[in-house]
């Protein structure tokens, strides 16, 4: 499902069964992916779990990894860490409840995405 977004040259598709929103550029190329931390797949950057964790823990580990690898870490518009070289920009939000799509025991669907 594709919809027009912020400008006429961009669009997005929400894949609610997977907890993923894809953002497409003017030539229909994929330019960004937003993963719902509650309903989406587990996402890792190396050994760092980016979803299904407290944002404060992720922030600390991202800072440490950026320092070790000499990557520039900055703060994005929402006050969360962003590492442009890795294509990572967090946008933490308070949980408003569970959707019921988690596996029994609070796990997430299989299909981890990794860098």
N, C-alpha and C. Protein backbone atom coordinates (compact mmCIF):
# COMPACT_ATOMS: atom_id res chain seq x y z
N UNK A 1 0.85 -1.17 0.00
CA UNK A 1 0.00 0.00 0.00
C UNK A 1 0.90 1.23 0.00
N UNK A 2 0.71 2.11 -0.94
CA UNK A 2 1.55 3.30 -1.04
C UNK A 2 0.69 4.55 -0.93
N UNK A 3 1.21 5.53 -0.23
CA UNK A 3 0.50 6.80 -0.07
C UNK A 3 1.48 7.92 -0.32
N UNK A 4 0.97 9.07 -0.67
CA UNK A 4 1.83 10.23 -0.85
C UNK A 4 2.17 10.80 0.51
N UNK A 5 3.41 11.26 0.64
CA UNK A 5 3.90 11.75 1.92
C UNK A 5 4.10 13.24 1.95
N UNK A 6 5.24 13.63 2.48
CA UNK A 6 5.53 15.02 2.79
C UNK A 6 5.59 15.91 1.56
N UNK A 7 6.03 15.39 0.49
CA UNK A 7 6.12 16.17 -0.75
C UNK A 7 5.60 15.29 -1.88
N UNK A 8 5.30 15.88 -2.99
CA UNK A 8 4.76 15.10 -4.10
C UNK A 8 5.74 14.06 -4.60
N UNK A 9 7.04 14.24 -4.31
CA UNK A 9 8.04 13.30 -4.81
C UNK A 9 8.30 12.15 -3.85
N UNK A 10 7.62 12.10 -2.72
CA UNK A 10 7.84 11.03 -1.75
C UNK A 10 6.53 10.32 -1.44
N UNK A 11 6.63 9.09 -1.02
CA UNK A 11 5.47 8.33 -0.61
C UNK A 11 5.87 7.33 0.45
N UNK A 12 4.89 6.68 1.04
CA UNK A 12 5.21 5.67 2.02
C UNK A 12 4.22 4.53 1.94
N UNK A 13 4.62 3.41 2.48
CA UNK A 13 3.76 2.24 2.56
C UNK A 13 3.81 1.69 3.97
N UNK A 14 2.66 1.47 4.56
CA UNK A 14 2.60 0.87 5.91
C UNK A 14 2.29 -0.59 5.77
N UNK A 15 3.13 -1.40 6.38
CA UNK A 15 2.95 -2.85 6.36
C UNK A 15 2.65 -3.26 7.80
N UNK A 16 1.39 -3.08 8.18
CA UNK A 16 0.99 -3.25 9.57
C UNK A 16 1.16 -4.67 10.08
N UNK A 17 1.04 -5.67 9.22
CA UNK A 17 1.25 -7.05 9.67
C UNK A 17 2.68 -7.27 10.13
N UNK A 18 3.60 -6.46 9.64
CA UNK A 18 5.02 -6.62 9.98
C UNK A 18 5.52 -5.52 10.91
N UNK A 19 4.71 -4.50 11.19
CA UNK A 19 5.14 -3.40 12.04
C UNK A 19 6.21 -2.53 11.39
N UNK A 20 6.12 -2.36 10.08
CA UNK A 20 7.14 -1.62 9.32
C UNK A 20 6.46 -0.58 8.44
N UNK A 21 7.07 0.60 8.36
CA UNK A 21 6.66 1.63 7.41
C UNK A 21 7.85 1.93 6.52
N UNK A 22 7.66 1.89 5.22
CA UNK A 22 8.72 2.17 4.26
C UNK A 22 8.47 3.55 3.64
N UNK A 23 9.55 4.32 3.48
CA UNK A 23 9.47 5.64 2.86
C UNK A 23 10.21 5.56 1.53
N UNK A 24 9.54 6.00 0.47
CA UNK A 24 10.08 5.90 -0.88
C UNK A 24 10.38 7.28 -1.45
N UNK A 25 11.45 7.38 -2.22
CA UNK A 25 11.84 8.63 -2.87
C UNK A 25 11.11 8.81 -4.19
N UNK A 26 11.47 9.88 -4.89
CA UNK A 26 10.76 10.23 -6.12
C UNK A 26 10.88 9.19 -7.21
N UNK A 27 11.94 8.40 -7.22
CA UNK A 27 12.08 7.35 -8.24
C UNK A 27 11.63 5.98 -7.69
N UNK A 28 10.82 6.00 -6.65
CA UNK A 28 10.30 4.81 -5.97
C UNK A 28 11.38 3.97 -5.31
N UNK A 29 12.56 4.57 -5.06
CA UNK A 29 13.60 3.84 -4.33
C UNK A 29 13.34 3.98 -2.84
N UNK A 30 13.72 2.98 -2.09
CA UNK A 30 13.55 2.98 -0.64
C UNK A 30 14.55 3.94 -0.03
N UNK A 31 14.08 4.92 0.76
CA UNK A 31 14.99 5.88 1.39
C UNK A 31 15.03 5.74 2.90
N UNK A 32 14.03 5.12 3.51
CA UNK A 32 14.03 4.95 4.96
C UNK A 32 13.03 3.86 5.34
N UNK A 33 13.27 3.26 6.50
CA UNK A 33 12.36 2.28 7.06
C UNK A 33 12.17 2.60 8.54
N UNK A 34 10.92 2.67 8.97
CA UNK A 34 10.60 2.87 10.38
C UNK A 34 10.05 1.55 10.91
N UNK A 35 10.62 1.09 12.02
CA UNK A 35 10.20 -0.18 12.61
C UNK A 35 9.48 0.12 13.91
N UNK A 36 8.27 -0.39 14.04
CA UNK A 36 7.50 -0.25 15.27
C UNK A 36 8.15 -1.14 16.33
N UNK A 37 8.63 -0.55 17.40
CA UNK A 37 9.34 -1.30 18.44
C UNK A 37 8.46 -2.33 19.14
N UNK A 38 7.16 -2.13 19.11
CA UNK A 38 6.26 -3.07 19.79
C UNK A 38 5.75 -4.16 18.86
N UNK A 39 5.51 -3.84 17.61
CA UNK A 39 4.90 -4.79 16.69
C UNK A 39 5.82 -5.28 15.59
N UNK A 40 6.95 -4.61 15.41
CA UNK A 40 7.85 -4.94 14.31
C UNK A 40 8.87 -6.01 14.67
N UNK A 41 9.72 -6.31 13.72
CA UNK A 41 10.76 -7.33 13.95
C UNK A 41 11.84 -6.80 14.87
N UNK A 42 12.59 -7.71 15.46
CA UNK A 42 13.76 -7.31 16.24
C UNK A 42 14.80 -6.77 15.26
N UNK A 43 15.42 -5.67 15.64
CA UNK A 43 16.43 -5.05 14.79
C UNK A 43 17.70 -4.89 15.62
N UNK A 44 18.83 -5.28 15.03
CA UNK A 44 20.11 -5.20 15.72
C UNK A 44 21.11 -4.42 14.87
N UNK A 45 22.00 -3.72 15.54
CA UNK A 45 23.16 -3.10 14.92
C UNK A 45 24.36 -3.77 15.58
N UNK A 46 24.95 -4.73 14.88
CA UNK A 46 26.01 -5.53 15.50
C UNK A 46 25.41 -6.32 16.66
N UNK A 47 25.94 -6.09 17.86
CA UNK A 47 25.44 -6.79 19.06
C UNK A 47 24.42 -5.97 19.84
N UNK A 48 24.02 -4.83 19.31
CA UNK A 48 23.10 -3.95 20.03
C UNK A 48 21.67 -4.16 19.53
N UNK A 49 20.80 -4.57 20.43
CA UNK A 49 19.38 -4.66 20.10
C UNK A 49 18.78 -3.27 20.09
N UNK A 50 18.18 -2.87 18.97
CA UNK A 50 17.61 -1.52 18.85
C UNK A 50 16.14 -1.46 19.20
N UNK A 51 15.47 -2.60 19.26
CA UNK A 51 14.04 -2.63 19.59
C UNK A 51 13.82 -3.54 20.79
N UNK A 52 12.63 -3.43 21.37
CA UNK A 52 12.21 -4.26 22.51
C UNK A 52 13.12 -4.07 23.72
N UNK A 53 13.62 -2.85 23.91
CA UNK A 53 14.48 -2.51 25.03
C UNK A 53 14.18 -1.09 25.49
N UNK A 54 14.64 -0.78 26.66
CA UNK A 54 14.50 0.60 27.16
C UNK A 54 15.35 1.52 26.30
N UNK A 55 14.78 2.61 25.79
CA UNK A 55 15.55 3.53 24.94
C UNK A 55 16.82 4.04 25.62
N UNK A 56 16.78 4.24 26.93
CA UNK A 56 17.97 4.73 27.63
C UNK A 56 19.13 3.75 27.52
N UNK A 57 18.86 2.46 27.54
CA UNK A 57 19.91 1.44 27.38
C UNK A 57 20.48 1.49 25.97
N UNK A 58 19.62 1.62 24.98
CA UNK A 58 20.06 1.67 23.59
C UNK A 58 20.92 2.90 23.36
N UNK A 59 20.51 4.05 23.92
CA UNK A 59 21.28 5.29 23.76
C UNK A 59 22.71 5.11 24.26
N UNK A 60 22.86 4.54 25.46
CA UNK A 60 24.19 4.35 26.05
C UNK A 60 25.04 3.45 25.16
N UNK A 61 24.48 2.34 24.70
CA UNK A 61 25.25 1.40 23.88
C UNK A 61 25.60 1.99 22.52
N UNK A 62 24.69 2.78 21.92
CA UNK A 62 25.00 3.44 20.65
C UNK A 62 26.15 4.44 20.82
N UNK A 63 26.11 5.21 21.91
CA UNK A 63 27.19 6.17 22.17
C UNK A 63 28.53 5.46 22.31
N UNK A 64 28.53 4.37 23.10
CA UNK A 64 29.77 3.62 23.31
C UNK A 64 30.31 3.05 21.99
N UNK A 65 29.43 2.48 21.16
CA UNK A 65 29.85 1.92 19.89
C UNK A 65 30.38 3.01 18.95
N UNK A 66 29.70 4.15 18.91
CA UNK A 66 30.14 5.26 18.06
C UNK A 66 31.53 5.74 18.48
N UNK A 67 31.76 5.85 19.78
CA UNK A 67 33.08 6.26 20.27
C UNK A 67 34.15 5.25 19.88
N UNK A 68 33.87 3.95 20.08
CA UNK A 68 34.84 2.91 19.73
C UNK A 68 35.17 2.90 18.25
N UNK A 69 34.17 3.16 17.39
CA UNK A 69 34.38 3.07 15.95
C UNK A 69 34.67 4.43 15.30
N UNK A 70 34.76 5.48 16.11
CA UNK A 70 35.08 6.80 15.58
C UNK A 70 33.98 7.41 14.72
N UNK A 71 32.75 6.99 14.95
CA UNK A 71 31.61 7.52 14.19
C UNK A 71 31.05 8.75 14.90
N UNK A 72 30.54 9.68 14.12
CA UNK A 72 29.96 10.89 14.66
C UNK A 72 28.53 10.62 15.14
N UNK A 73 28.30 10.86 16.42
CA UNK A 73 26.96 10.69 17.00
C UNK A 73 26.40 12.08 17.27
N UNK A 74 25.19 12.32 16.82
CA UNK A 74 24.54 13.59 17.08
C UNK A 74 23.15 13.34 17.61
N UNK A 75 22.47 14.41 17.98
CA UNK A 75 21.11 14.33 18.50
C UNK A 75 20.16 14.79 17.41
N UNK A 76 19.12 14.00 17.13
CA UNK A 76 18.17 14.36 16.08
C UNK A 76 17.08 15.29 16.61
N UNK A 77 16.10 15.57 15.79
CA UNK A 77 15.02 16.50 16.13
C UNK A 77 14.23 16.10 17.38
N UNK A 78 14.18 14.79 17.68
CA UNK A 78 13.39 14.33 18.83
C UNK A 78 14.25 14.19 20.08
N UNK A 79 15.55 14.54 19.98
CA UNK A 79 16.43 14.44 21.14
C UNK A 79 17.06 13.07 21.31
N UNK A 80 16.89 12.22 20.32
CA UNK A 80 17.44 10.86 20.36
C UNK A 80 18.71 10.79 19.52
N UNK A 81 19.54 9.76 19.79
CA UNK A 81 20.80 9.64 19.04
C UNK A 81 20.60 9.30 17.57
N UNK A 82 21.56 9.77 16.78
CA UNK A 82 21.55 9.53 15.35
C UNK A 82 23.00 9.36 14.90
N UNK A 83 23.26 8.32 14.12
CA UNK A 83 24.58 8.11 13.54
C UNK A 83 24.38 8.03 12.03
N UNK A 84 24.65 9.13 11.36
CA UNK A 84 24.38 9.23 9.93
C UNK A 84 25.16 8.18 9.13
N UNK A 85 26.41 7.93 9.51
CA UNK A 85 27.24 6.98 8.78
C UNK A 85 26.63 5.57 8.76
N UNK A 86 25.85 5.24 9.77
CA UNK A 86 25.22 3.91 9.86
C UNK A 86 23.76 3.93 9.42
N UNK A 87 23.21 5.12 9.16
CA UNK A 87 21.81 5.21 8.77
C UNK A 87 20.85 4.96 9.92
N UNK A 88 21.29 5.28 11.14
CA UNK A 88 20.48 5.03 12.34
C UNK A 88 20.01 6.36 12.91
N UNK A 89 18.71 6.47 13.14
CA UNK A 89 18.15 7.62 13.82
C UNK A 89 17.01 7.12 14.70
N UNK A 90 17.20 7.18 16.02
CA UNK A 90 16.18 6.70 16.94
C UNK A 90 15.03 7.70 17.05
N UNK A 91 13.88 7.20 17.40
CA UNK A 91 12.73 8.04 17.69
C UNK A 91 11.91 7.29 18.74
N UNK A 92 12.35 7.40 19.97
CA UNK A 92 11.70 6.67 21.06
C UNK A 92 10.40 7.34 21.46
N UNK A 93 9.40 6.53 21.75
CA UNK A 93 8.10 7.03 22.21
C UNK A 93 7.63 6.13 23.35
N UNK A 94 6.88 6.70 24.26
CA UNK A 94 6.37 5.92 25.37
C UNK A 94 5.36 4.90 24.87
N UNK A 95 5.45 3.70 25.41
CA UNK A 95 4.52 2.63 25.05
C UNK A 95 3.12 3.00 25.51
N UNK A 96 2.14 2.78 24.63
CA UNK A 96 0.77 3.12 24.98
C UNK A 96 -0.08 1.87 25.17
N UNK A 97 0.57 0.74 25.29
CA UNK A 97 -0.15 -0.52 25.46
C UNK A 97 0.32 -1.53 24.45
N UNK A 98 -0.09 -2.77 24.63
CA UNK A 98 0.33 -3.80 23.69
C UNK A 98 -0.77 -4.04 22.68
N UNK A 99 -0.37 -4.47 21.52
CA UNK A 99 -1.33 -4.63 20.43
C UNK A 99 -1.86 -6.05 20.31
N UNK A 100 -1.24 -6.97 21.04
CA UNK A 100 -1.69 -8.35 20.95
C UNK A 100 -1.03 -9.13 19.84
N UNK A 101 -0.10 -8.51 19.11
CA UNK A 101 0.55 -9.23 18.02
C UNK A 101 1.87 -9.87 18.44
N UNK A 102 2.26 -9.69 19.68
CA UNK A 102 3.47 -10.31 20.17
C UNK A 102 3.25 -11.81 20.36
N UNK A 103 4.35 -12.51 20.29
CA UNK A 103 4.29 -13.95 20.53
C UNK A 103 4.05 -14.20 22.02
N UNK A 104 3.57 -15.38 22.42
CA UNK A 104 3.37 -15.68 23.83
C UNK A 104 4.65 -15.44 24.61
N UNK A 105 4.50 -14.87 25.80
CA UNK A 105 5.66 -14.59 26.63
C UNK A 105 6.31 -13.25 26.32
N UNK A 106 5.71 -12.45 25.44
CA UNK A 106 6.22 -11.11 25.17
C UNK A 106 7.26 -11.06 24.07
N UNK A 107 7.53 -12.16 23.39
CA UNK A 107 8.53 -12.15 22.33
C UNK A 107 8.01 -11.50 21.07
N UNK A 108 8.86 -11.37 20.11
CA UNK A 108 8.49 -10.77 18.84
C UNK A 108 8.56 -11.81 17.74
N UNK A 109 7.93 -11.57 16.63
CA UNK A 109 7.96 -12.52 15.53
C UNK A 109 9.39 -12.79 15.06
N UNK A 110 9.63 -13.94 14.52
CA UNK A 110 10.95 -14.27 14.00
C UNK A 110 11.25 -13.39 12.80
N UNK A 111 12.51 -13.30 12.43
CA UNK A 111 12.87 -12.52 11.25
C UNK A 111 13.67 -11.31 11.63
N UNK A 112 14.68 -11.48 12.48
CA UNK A 112 15.53 -10.39 12.90
C UNK A 112 16.20 -9.73 11.72
N UNK A 113 16.28 -8.41 11.75
CA UNK A 113 17.00 -7.64 10.74
C UNK A 113 18.34 -7.25 11.35
N UNK A 114 19.42 -7.41 10.62
CA UNK A 114 20.73 -7.06 11.14
C UNK A 114 21.48 -6.21 10.14
N UNK A 115 22.42 -5.43 10.66
CA UNK A 115 23.30 -4.61 9.83
C UNK A 115 24.35 -5.50 9.23
